[in-house]
Every structure is written in structure tokens, then in C-alpha cells.
């Protein structure tokens, strides 16, 4: 199961580097999404140390994470103008990427870079650590997916309503117009047209690991 991810780590190390609704149809049986127009350049890499930490989190939270075939890793050391939401097929090592916004409380000056994490309610900041994907619902941001924080650094995620949702300010045209994405209130906001791909890759009961490399 982990052979593909292990091979990916080896390659990277040697490089230069509301109401509840049913899951969307795409979340049922699709393979991991192929890279989209929001993907990083072909030579962009997933930091090997961050990958190791994510796989360690997958093992550490094995009792809570039902599905270990696919995970997502958010590299918050990259600016919001880069596709830093990495979707990894653990068995094959295949990776695709999307843009994702960070919280306004993590970047008060709106520089495009995350400067700090917070787990405090009302902080509007992104949290770091391991998240478990939960059920889908329709709320103020439309179709969304609940997340449970599995670490002391993000265990208020449910109380803070930290979720995955689509947003206009996370669309790729924001990069063209402003050189960066807009900011969320701590949620993992992705482009409106990328939401189906995100849901299809993750489904429920899978890991998202968010940190800085």
C-alpha cells in the first residue's frame, strides 16, 4: 500500500527540491483527479520532509482514518498563488495539485503567504495538523465537507466550522488579477470549478495533512 509513496519520497529526496446531503456522485467511484489548469508546473515537487510527516500522521491516526489509499497534503509554506493542495495516491505515488486559500487570520496583511497558525475560535486562521474528512452538507458556501481535527493543534476544527468549500476568491483568475488568492475564515477554500475533483479524491474517512514544510 505504501510502496508508491515510499518510491515518491525516494525520488523527491534525490531531486532539487446546514443540512446534510448525500456525497456528490463524483465522490463515489472516481479515480484520483488528474492535474487541472490549476496544477503547479511539471517540475514542482512535494517537499519530502512534509510527505514523511504526512505519512507518519497517517500511521499515528490509523484507528480514526478508515481509508488509507489516498491522502491530501497542504504545503502552507508555499504562497497562495501556487497549487499547494497536493492529492496523493499512496499506492502509486501519483500526485495532482490544486490551489487552496488560507485564513485571513493567518495572513492579516494579505501578502499571499501564511504567517501563523491558530486553533482558536474567532481567529479566522488556518490550523495545522491532521484532519479527517467527514460528511457533506449544503451551507452558506454551498456544497461543503466537514472536517475533524485529530491533533492538539487543530482539535477545534469542528467547533470552528473549518470545512472544505468552493469560493470565487480561490479561482485561478484571482492569480491573474491580483497575484494571489483571497482569504477564507480558516477553511480550505478551493476554486469553484475544482470542488468536484477535490471531493472525488478525498471522499469521507481520509486524511488531510496541513503544515509548513
C-alpha atoms as a PDB file:
ATOM      1  CA  UNK A   1       0.000   0.000   0.000  1.00  0.00           C
ATOM      2  CA  UNK A   2       2.745   2.457   0.845  1.00  0.00           C
ATOM      3  CA  UNK A   3       5.198   1.360  -1.840  1.00  0.00           C
ATOM      4  CA  UNK A   4       4.203   4.135  -4.242  1.00  0.00           C
ATOM      5  CA  UNK A   5       4.522   6.824  -1.599  1.00  0.00           C
ATOM      6  CA  UNK A   6       7.833   5.375  -0.470  1.00  0.00           C
ATOM      7  CA  UNK A   7       9.116   5.475  -4.036  1.00  0.00           C
ATOM      8  CA  UNK A   8       7.912   9.058  -4.349  1.00  0.00           C
ATOM      9  CA  UNK A   9       9.808  10.003  -1.197  1.00  0.00           C
ATOM     10  CA  UNK A  10      12.941   8.422  -2.593  1.00  0.00           C
ATOM     11  CA  UNK A  11      12.581  10.335  -5.821  1.00  0.00           C
ATOM     12  CA  UNK A  12      11.944  13.614  -4.043  1.00  0.00           C
ATOM     13  CA  UNK A  13      14.887  13.133  -1.744  1.00  0.00           C
ATOM     14  CA  UNK A  14      17.162  12.828  -4.741  1.00  0.00           C
ATOM     15  CA  UNK A  15      15.739  15.842  -6.540  1.00  0.00           C
ATOM     16  CA  UNK A  16      16.424  19.520  -6.176  1.00  0.00           C
ATOM     17  CA  UNK A  17      13.580  20.316  -4.407  1.00  0.00           C
ATOM     18  CA  UNK A  18     -26.889  23.396   7.445  1.00  0.00           C
ATOM     19  CA  UNK A  19     -28.429  20.296   6.042  1.00  0.00           C
ATOM     20  CA  UNK A  20     -26.724  17.046   5.469  1.00  0.00           C
ATOM     21  CA  UNK A  21     -26.836  15.720   1.918  1.00  0.00           C
ATOM     22  CA  UNK A  22     -25.551  12.653   0.173  1.00  0.00           C
ATOM     23  CA  UNK A  23     -21.998  12.798  -1.178  1.00  0.00           C
ATOM     24  CA  UNK A  24     -21.765  14.196  -4.704  1.00  0.00           C
ATOM     25  CA  UNK A  25     -21.885  11.488  -7.390  1.00  0.00           C
ATOM     26  CA  UNK A  26     -18.259  12.100  -8.279  1.00  0.00           C
ATOM     27  CA  UNK A  27     -17.159  11.143  -4.772  1.00  0.00           C
ATOM     28  CA  UNK A  28     -18.349   7.563  -5.150  1.00  0.00           C
ATOM     29  CA  UNK A  29     -16.052   5.775  -7.535  1.00  0.00           C
ATOM     30  CA  UNK A  30     -13.814   8.098  -9.479  1.00  0.00           C
ATOM     31  CA  UNK A  31     -10.024   7.688  -9.507  1.00  0.00           C
ATOM     32  CA  UNK A  32      -7.878  10.496  -8.113  1.00  0.00           C
ATOM     33  CA  UNK A  33      -8.309  13.664 -10.205  1.00  0.00           C
ATOM     34  CA  UNK A  34      -5.842  14.372 -12.968  1.00  0.00           C
ATOM     35  CA  UNK A  35      -3.893  17.635 -12.802  1.00  0.00           C
ATOM     36  CA  UNK A  36      -6.046  20.607 -13.833  1.00  0.00           C
ATOM     37  CA  UNK A  37      -5.251  24.026 -15.206  1.00  0.00           C
ATOM     38  CA  UNK A  38      -4.517  24.988 -11.600  1.00  0.00           C
ATOM     39  CA  UNK A  39      -1.766  22.403 -11.259  1.00  0.00           C
ATOM     40  CA  UNK A  40       1.755  23.544 -10.476  1.00  0.00           C
ATOM     41  CA  UNK A  41       4.426  23.241 -13.190  1.00  0.00           C
ATOM     42  CA  UNK A  42       5.569  19.738 -14.006  1.00  0.00           C
ATOM     43  CA  UNK A  43       8.886  20.266 -12.213  1.00  0.00           C
ATOM     44  CA  UNK A  44       7.211  21.338  -8.953  1.00  0.00           C
ATOM     45  CA  UNK A  45       7.695  18.841  -6.144  1.00  0.00           C
ATOM     46  CA  UNK A  46       6.139  17.857  -2.857  1.00  0.00           C
ATOM     47  CA  UNK A  47       8.600  18.514  -0.062  1.00  0.00           C
ATOM     48  CA  UNK A  48       9.964  15.112   1.079  1.00  0.00           C
ATOM     49  CA  UNK A  49      10.037  16.026   4.769  1.00  0.00           C
ATOM     50  CA  UNK A  50       6.426  17.187   4.617  1.00  0.00           C
ATOM     51  CA  UNK A  51       5.484  13.962   2.866  1.00  0.00           C
ATOM     52  CA  UNK A  52       7.181  11.928   5.590  1.00  0.00           C
ATOM     53  CA  UNK A  53       5.309  13.849   8.280  1.00  0.00           C
ATOM     54  CA  UNK A  54       2.010  13.285   6.487  1.00  0.00           C
ATOM     55  CA  UNK A  55       2.623   9.537   6.178  1.00  0.00           C
ATOM     56  CA  UNK A  56       3.630   9.436   9.853  1.00  0.00           C
ATOM     57  CA  UNK A  57       0.318  11.137  10.697  1.00  0.00           C
ATOM     58  CA  UNK A  58      -1.494   8.547   8.584  1.00  0.00           C
ATOM     59  CA  UNK A  59       0.041   5.822  10.772  1.00  0.00           C
ATOM     60  CA  UNK A  60      -0.401   7.708  14.041  1.00  0.00           C
ATOM     61  CA  UNK A  61      -4.130   8.178  13.422  1.00  0.00           C
ATOM     62  CA  UNK A  62      -4.732   4.779  11.828  1.00  0.00           C
ATOM     63  CA  UNK A  63      -7.616   3.983  14.181  1.00  0.00           C
ATOM     64  CA  UNK A  64      -9.532   7.086  13.095  1.00  0.00           C
ATOM     65  CA  UNK A  65      -8.726   7.022   9.364  1.00  0.00           C
ATOM     66  CA  UNK A  66     -10.790   4.343   7.623  1.00  0.00           C
ATOM     67  CA  UNK A  67      -9.338   4.783   4.139  1.00  0.00           C
ATOM     68  CA  UNK A  68      -5.577   4.959   3.647  1.00  0.00           C
ATOM     69  CA  UNK A  69      -5.396   4.675  -0.138  1.00  0.00           C
ATOM     70  CA  UNK A  70      -5.429   8.413  -0.837  1.00  0.00           C
ATOM     71  CA  UNK A  71      -4.447  11.439   1.227  1.00  0.00           C
ATOM     72  CA  UNK A  72      -4.120  15.188   0.723  1.00  0.00           C
ATOM     73  CA  UNK A  73      -1.238  17.391   1.879  1.00  0.00           C
ATOM     74  CA  UNK A  74      -1.403  21.182   2.085  1.00  0.00           C
ATOM     75  CA  UNK A  75       2.016  22.829   1.973  1.00  0.00           C
ATOM     76  CA  UNK A  76       1.388  26.168   3.638  1.00  0.00           C
ATOM     77  CA  UNK A  77       4.998  27.232   3.171  1.00  0.00           C
ATOM     78  CA  UNK A  78       4.077  27.937  -0.462  1.00  0.00           C
ATOM     79  CA  UNK A  79       2.194  31.145  -1.366  1.00  0.00           C
ATOM     80  CA  UNK A  80      -1.479  31.052  -2.286  1.00  0.00           C
ATOM     81  CA  UNK A  81      -0.520  31.716  -5.914  1.00  0.00           C
ATOM     82  CA  UNK A  82       0.891  28.173  -6.118  1.00  0.00           C
ATOM     83  CA  UNK A  83      -1.153  24.977  -6.311  1.00  0.00           C
ATOM     84  CA  UNK A  84      -0.184  23.771  -2.832  1.00  0.00           C
ATOM     85  CA  UNK A  85      -3.086  21.350  -2.195  1.00  0.00           C
ATOM     86  CA  UNK A  86      -1.401  18.038  -3.092  1.00  0.00           C
ATOM     87  CA  UNK A  87      -3.527  14.934  -3.726  1.00  0.00           C
ATOM     88  CA  UNK A  88      -1.515  11.745  -3.304  1.00  0.00           C
ATOM     89  CA  UNK A  89      -2.381   8.210  -4.351  1.00  0.00           C
ATOM     90  CA  UNK A  90      -0.474   6.358  -1.638  1.00  0.00           C
ATOM     91  CA  UNK A  91      -0.095   3.109  -3.572  1.00  0.00           C
ATOM     92  CA  UNK A  92       1.100   4.537  -6.899  1.00  0.00           C
ATOM     93  CA  UNK A  93       2.767   7.722  -5.672  1.00  0.00           C
ATOM     94  CA  UNK A  94       0.826   9.761  -8.239  1.00  0.00           C
ATOM     95  CA  UNK A  95       0.303  13.395  -7.228  1.00  0.00           C
ATOM     96  CA  UNK A  96      -2.024  16.083  -8.564  1.00  0.00           C
ATOM     97  CA  UNK A  97      -2.399  19.616  -7.236  1.00  0.00           C
ATOM     98  CA  UNK A  98      -4.849  22.481  -6.840  1.00  0.00           C
ATOM     99  CA  UNK A  99      -4.952  25.995  -5.488  1.00  0.00           C
ATOM    100  CA  UNK A 100      -6.252  26.460  -1.929  1.00  0.00           C
ATOM    101  CA  UNK A 101      -6.758  29.569   0.174  1.00  0.00           C
ATOM    102  CA  UNK A 102      -5.611  30.136   3.738  1.00  0.00           C
ATOM    103  CA  UNK A 103      -7.332  32.032   6.536  1.00  0.00           C
ATOM    104  CA  UNK A 104      -7.294  35.803   6.870  1.00  0.00           C
ATOM    105  CA  UNK A 105      -6.104  35.461  10.471  1.00  0.00           C
ATOM    106  CA  UNK A 106      -3.030  33.649   9.185  1.00  0.00           C
ATOM    107  CA  UNK A 107      -2.193  36.483   6.796  1.00  0.00           C
ATOM    108  CA  UNK A 108      -3.566  39.764   8.226  1.00  0.00           C
ATOM    109  CA  UNK A 109      -1.670  41.874   5.701  1.00  0.00           C
ATOM    110  CA  UNK A 110      -2.917  39.789   2.769  1.00  0.00           C
ATOM    111  CA  UNK A 111       0.590  39.112   1.488  1.00  0.00           C
ATOM    112  CA  UNK A 112      -0.348  35.795  -0.103  1.00  0.00           C
ATOM    113  CA  UNK A 113       1.749  33.890   2.458  1.00  0.00           C
ATOM    114  CA  UNK A 114       0.606  32.146   5.626  1.00  0.00           C
ATOM    115  CA  UNK A 115       2.412  33.687   8.610  1.00  0.00           C
ATOM    116  CA  UNK A 116       0.871  31.850  11.552  1.00  0.00           C
ATOM    117  CA  UNK A 117      -1.497  29.057  12.506  1.00  0.00           C
ATOM    118  CA  UNK A 118      -4.198  29.168  15.144  1.00  0.00           C
ATOM    119  CA  UNK A 119      -6.662  26.737  16.678  1.00  0.00           C
ATOM    120  CA  UNK A 120      -8.600  29.459  18.491  1.00  0.00           C
ATOM    121  CA  UNK A 121     -12.255  30.166  17.716  1.00  0.00           C
ATOM    122  CA  UNK A 122     -12.715  33.556  16.111  1.00  0.00           C
ATOM    123  CA  UNK A 123      -9.108  33.725  14.891  1.00  0.00           C
ATOM    124  CA  UNK A 124     -10.096  33.226  11.230  1.00  0.00           C
ATOM    125  CA  UNK A 125      -6.735  31.480  10.875  1.00  0.00           C
ATOM    126  CA  UNK A 126      -5.755  28.195   9.273  1.00  0.00           C
ATOM    127  CA  UNK A 127      -4.812  25.344  11.606  1.00  0.00           C
ATOM    128  CA  UNK A 128      -2.023  22.835  11.159  1.00  0.00           C
ATOM    129  CA  UNK A 129      -2.105  19.097  11.679  1.00  0.00           C
ATOM    130  CA  UNK A 130      -4.057  16.028  10.617  1.00  0.00           C
ATOM    131  CA  UNK A 131      -7.696  16.376   9.600  1.00  0.00           C
ATOM    132  CA  UNK A 132     -10.239  13.614   8.968  1.00  0.00           C
ATOM    133  CA  UNK A 133     -12.696  14.205   6.122  1.00  0.00           C
ATOM    134  CA  UNK A 134     -16.318  13.879   7.174  1.00  0.00           C
ATOM    135  CA  UNK A 135     -19.806  14.203   5.731  1.00  0.00           C
ATOM    136  CA  UNK A 136     -21.063  16.546   3.036  1.00  0.00           C
ATOM    137  CA  UNK A 137     -23.669  19.242   3.568  1.00  0.00           C
ATOM    138  CA  UNK A 138     -25.027  22.384   1.950  1.00  0.00           C
ATOM    139  CA  UNK A 139     -24.371  25.591   3.878  1.00  0.00           C
ATOM    140  CA  UNK A 140     -23.662  29.269   3.322  1.00  0.00           C
ATOM    141  CA  UNK A 141     -20.802  28.374   0.957  1.00  0.00           C
ATOM    142  CA  UNK A 142     -22.853  25.801  -0.955  1.00  0.00           C
ATOM    143  CA  UNK A 143     -21.636  22.203  -1.071  1.00  0.00           C
ATOM    144  CA  UNK A 144     -19.098  21.662   1.678  1.00  0.00           C
ATOM    145  CA  UNK A 145     -17.381  18.881   3.605  1.00  0.00           C
ATOM    146  CA  UNK A 146     -16.906  18.772   7.358  1.00  0.00           C
ATOM    147  CA  UNK A 147     -13.502  18.095   8.884  1.00  0.00           C
ATOM    148  CA  UNK A 148     -12.431  16.751  12.258  1.00  0.00           C
ATOM    149  CA  UNK A 149      -9.110  17.882  13.699  1.00  0.00           C
ATOM    150  CA  UNK A 150      -7.099  14.950  15.029  1.00  0.00           C
ATOM    151  CA  UNK A 151      -4.253  16.869  16.703  1.00  0.00           C
ATOM    152  CA  UNK A 152      -3.984  19.301  19.606  1.00  0.00           C
ATOM    153  CA  UNK A 153      -3.151  21.978  17.031  1.00  0.00           C
ATOM    154  CA  UNK A 154      -6.488  21.640  15.201  1.00  0.00           C
ATOM    155  CA  UNK A 155      -8.911  19.844  17.518  1.00  0.00           C
ATOM    156  CA  UNK A 156     -11.292  22.833  17.480  1.00  0.00           C
ATOM    157  CA  UNK A 157     -11.894  22.406  13.735  1.00  0.00           C
ATOM    158  CA  UNK A 158     -15.453  21.140  14.150  1.00  0.00           C
ATOM    159  CA  UNK A 159     -16.347  23.851  16.653  1.00  0.00           C
ATOM    160  CA  UNK A 160     -14.812  26.466  14.347  1.00  0.00           C
ATOM    161  CA  UNK A 161     -16.667  25.023  11.326  1.00  0.00           C
ATOM    162  CA  UNK A 162     -13.407  24.503   9.414  1.00  0.00           C
ATOM    163  CA  UNK A 163     -14.534  22.774   6.222  1.00  0.00           C
ATOM    164  CA  UNK A 164     -13.729  22.310   2.541  1.00  0.00           C
ATOM    165  CA  UNK A 165     -15.804  24.503   0.245  1.00  0.00           C
ATOM    166  CA  UNK A 166     -15.624  26.249  -3.095  1.00  0.00           C
ATOM    167  CA  UNK A 167     -15.138  30.008  -3.330  1.00  0.00           C
ATOM    168  CA  UNK A 168     -14.839  32.638  -6.034  1.00  0.00           C
ATOM    169  CA  UNK A 169     -11.787  34.087  -4.309  1.00  0.00           C
ATOM    170  CA  UNK A 170      -9.959  30.766  -4.766  1.00  0.00           C
ATOM    171  CA  UNK A 171     -10.472  30.663  -8.537  1.00  0.00           C
ATOM    172  CA  UNK A 172      -7.424  30.810 -10.788  1.00  0.00           C
ATOM    173  CA  UNK A 173      -8.390  34.178 -12.259  1.00  0.00           C
ATOM    174  CA  UNK A 174      -7.542  35.732  -8.894  1.00  0.00           C
ATOM    175  CA  UNK A 175      -3.893  34.940  -9.600  1.00  0.00           C
ATOM    176  CA  UNK A 176      -4.044  36.775 -12.922  1.00  0.00           C
ATOM    177  CA  UNK A 177      -5.799  39.768 -11.406  1.00  0.00           C
ATOM    178  CA  UNK A 178      -4.097  40.043  -8.013  1.00  0.00           C
ATOM    179  CA  UNK A 179      -1.136  37.653  -7.938  1.00  0.00           C
ATOM    180  CA  UNK A 180      -2.673  35.708  -5.032  1.00  0.00           C
ATOM    181  CA  UNK A 181      -5.919  34.200  -3.819  1.00  0.00           C
ATOM    182  CA  UNK A 182      -8.359  35.785  -1.454  1.00  0.00           C
ATOM    183  CA  UNK A 183      -8.549  34.529   2.128  1.00  0.00           C
ATOM    184  CA  UNK A 184     -11.007  32.303   3.947  1.00  0.00           C
ATOM    185  CA  UNK A 185     -12.022  32.289   7.607  1.00  0.00           C
ATOM    186  CA  UNK A 186      -9.737  29.331   8.185  1.00  0.00           C
ATOM    187  CA  UNK A 187     -11.426  26.896   5.809  1.00  0.00           C
ATOM    188  CA  UNK A 188      -9.775  25.031   2.936  1.00  0.00           C
ATOM    189  CA  UNK A 189     -11.390  27.048   0.152  1.00  0.00           C
ATOM    190  CA  UNK A 190     -10.768  25.789  -3.384  1.00  0.00           C
ATOM    191  CA  UNK A 191     -11.783  27.091  -6.787  1.00  0.00           C
ATOM    192  CA  UNK A 192     -15.469  26.724  -7.570  1.00  0.00           C
ATOM    193  CA  UNK A 193     -14.766  24.525 -10.584  1.00  0.00           C
ATOM    194  CA  UNK A 194     -12.355  22.298  -8.623  1.00  0.00           C
ATOM    195  CA  UNK A 195     -14.749  21.253  -5.892  1.00  0.00           C
ATOM    196  CA  UNK A 196     -15.898  18.074  -7.652  1.00  0.00           C
ATOM    197  CA  UNK A 197     -12.291  16.952  -8.149  1.00  0.00           C
ATOM    198  CA  UNK A 198     -11.491  17.637  -4.510  1.00  0.00           C
ATOM    199  CA  UNK A 199     -14.496  15.691  -3.252  1.00  0.00           C
ATOM    200  CA  UNK A 200     -13.781  12.863  -5.691  1.00  0.00           C
ATOM    201  CA  UNK A 201     -10.244  12.410  -4.433  1.00  0.00           C
ATOM    202  CA  UNK A 202     -10.963  12.650  -0.737  1.00  0.00           C
ATOM    203  CA  UNK A 203     -14.364  11.148  -0.061  1.00  0.00           C
ATOM    204  CA  UNK A 204     -15.046  10.521   3.620  1.00  0.00           C
ATOM    205  CA  UNK A 205     -12.750   8.967   6.202  1.00  0.00           C
ATOM    206  CA  UNK A 206      -9.462  10.119   4.647  1.00  0.00           C
ATOM    207  CA  UNK A 207      -6.543  12.252   5.796  1.00  0.00           C
ATOM    208  CA  UNK A 208      -5.701  15.847   5.028  1.00  0.00           C
ATOM    209  CA  UNK A 209      -2.374  16.924   6.486  1.00  0.00           C
ATOM    210  CA  UNK A 210      -1.749  20.684   6.633  1.00  0.00           C
ATOM    211  CA  UNK A 211       1.572  22.204   7.703  1.00  0.00           C
ATOM    212  CA  UNK A 212       4.540  24.220   6.578  1.00  0.00           C
ATOM    213  CA  UNK A 213       7.476  22.380   5.064  1.00  0.00           C
END
